[in-house]
């Protein structure tokens, strides 16, 4: 079996999750987040009463940093588990 590099796997998942949340922050900043979320929920036959709050740079940066960090830890852990199971 192929050996996974733990740091590369962690960085890969960190970039993916960080990028997704960066895209969300851009949607919030542009004012499109409410429209997109309403549309997606409507497609799933879901109706909720909620409001997307105003954009805040520090909150957006914290969101991106936390999700990227979680992505790194999960990716690193997955690669470590994969390598230990395929020795």
Protein backbone atom coordinates (compact mmCIF):
# COMPACT_ATOMS: atom_id res chain seq x y z
CA UNK A 1 0.00 0.00 0.00
CA UNK A 2 1.03 3.58 -0.60
CA UNK A 3 2.49 5.53 2.32
CA UNK A 4 0.77 8.88 3.01
CA UNK A 5 2.83 11.88 4.08
CA UNK A 6 1.09 13.09 7.24
CA UNK A 7 1.97 16.79 6.90
CA UNK A 8 0.98 16.88 3.21
CA UNK A 9 -2.33 15.18 3.98
CA UNK A 10 -2.95 17.63 6.80
CA UNK A 11 -2.12 20.62 4.62
CA UNK A 12 -4.32 19.32 1.82
CA UNK A 13 -7.39 19.04 4.03
CA UNK A 14 -6.56 22.35 5.73
CA UNK A 15 -6.51 24.11 2.35
CA UNK A 16 -9.78 22.47 1.28
CA UNK A 17 -11.69 23.34 4.46
CA UNK A 18 -10.10 26.79 4.71
CA UNK A 19 -11.00 27.54 1.08
CA UNK A 20 -14.61 26.46 1.55
CA UNK A 21 -14.96 28.75 4.55
CA UNK A 22 -13.19 31.57 2.72
CA UNK A 23 -15.80 31.19 -0.02
CA UNK A 24 -18.54 31.37 2.62
CA UNK A 25 -16.99 34.54 4.08
CA UNK A 26 -16.92 36.07 0.59
CA UNK A 27 -20.60 35.21 0.16
CA UNK A 28 -21.42 36.87 3.48
CA UNK A 29 -19.34 39.96 2.63
CA UNK A 30 -20.97 40.28 -0.79
CA UNK A 31 -24.49 39.96 0.60
CA UNK A 32 -25.23 36.76 -1.31
CA UNK A 33 -25.06 34.32 1.62
CA UNK A 34 -28.72 34.68 2.61
CA UNK A 35 -29.92 34.19 -0.97
CA UNK A 36 -27.69 31.14 -1.58
CA UNK A 37 -28.59 29.53 1.75
CA UNK A 38 -32.32 30.11 1.21
CA UNK A 39 -32.04 28.55 -2.25
CA UNK A 40 -30.12 25.47 -1.03
CA UNK A 41 -32.51 24.88 1.86
CA UNK A 42 -35.53 25.30 -0.42
CA UNK A 43 -34.08 22.62 -2.73
CA UNK A 44 -34.06 20.28 0.28
CA UNK A 45 -37.64 21.14 1.29
CA UNK A 46 -36.43 22.94 4.41
CA UNK A 47 -37.79 26.23 5.70
CA UNK A 48 -36.02 27.84 8.64
CA UNK A 49 -36.30 31.25 10.24
CA UNK A 50 -32.73 32.55 10.39
CA UNK A 51 -30.77 35.60 9.35
CA UNK A 52 -27.18 35.75 8.12
CA UNK A 53 -25.42 38.36 10.26
CA UNK A 54 -23.38 41.26 8.94
CA UNK A 55 -19.86 40.53 7.78
CA UNK A 56 -17.09 40.94 10.35
CA UNK A 57 -13.46 40.56 9.26
CA UNK A 58 -12.17 39.22 12.58
CA UNK A 59 -14.97 36.63 12.77
CA UNK A 60 -14.28 35.56 9.17
CA UNK A 61 -10.54 35.17 9.84
CA UNK A 62 -11.26 33.19 13.01
CA UNK A 63 -13.66 30.92 11.10
CA UNK A 64 -11.09 30.25 8.38
CA UNK A 65 -8.23 29.70 10.86
CA UNK A 66 -10.21 27.30 13.06
CA UNK A 67 -11.57 25.22 10.18
CA UNK A 68 -8.16 25.06 8.49
CA UNK A 69 -6.59 23.95 11.79
CA UNK A 70 -9.22 21.27 12.25
CA UNK A 71 -8.63 20.18 8.65
CA UNK A 72 -4.91 19.87 9.29
CA UNK A 73 -5.42 17.77 12.43
CA UNK A 74 -7.97 15.49 10.75
CA UNK A 75 -5.85 15.07 7.61
CA UNK A 76 -2.72 14.40 9.67
CA UNK A 77 -4.61 11.91 11.86
CA UNK A 78 -6.11 10.12 8.86
CA UNK A 79 -2.68 9.73 7.24
CA UNK A 80 -1.21 8.45 10.50
CA UNK A 81 -4.02 5.93 10.87
CA UNK A 82 -3.73 4.89 7.23
CA UNK A 83 0.02 4.36 7.54
CA UNK A 84 -0.33 2.36 10.76
CA UNK A 85 -2.98 0.09 9.23
CA UNK A 86 -0.98 -0.55 6.05
CA UNK A 87 2.45 -1.49 7.38
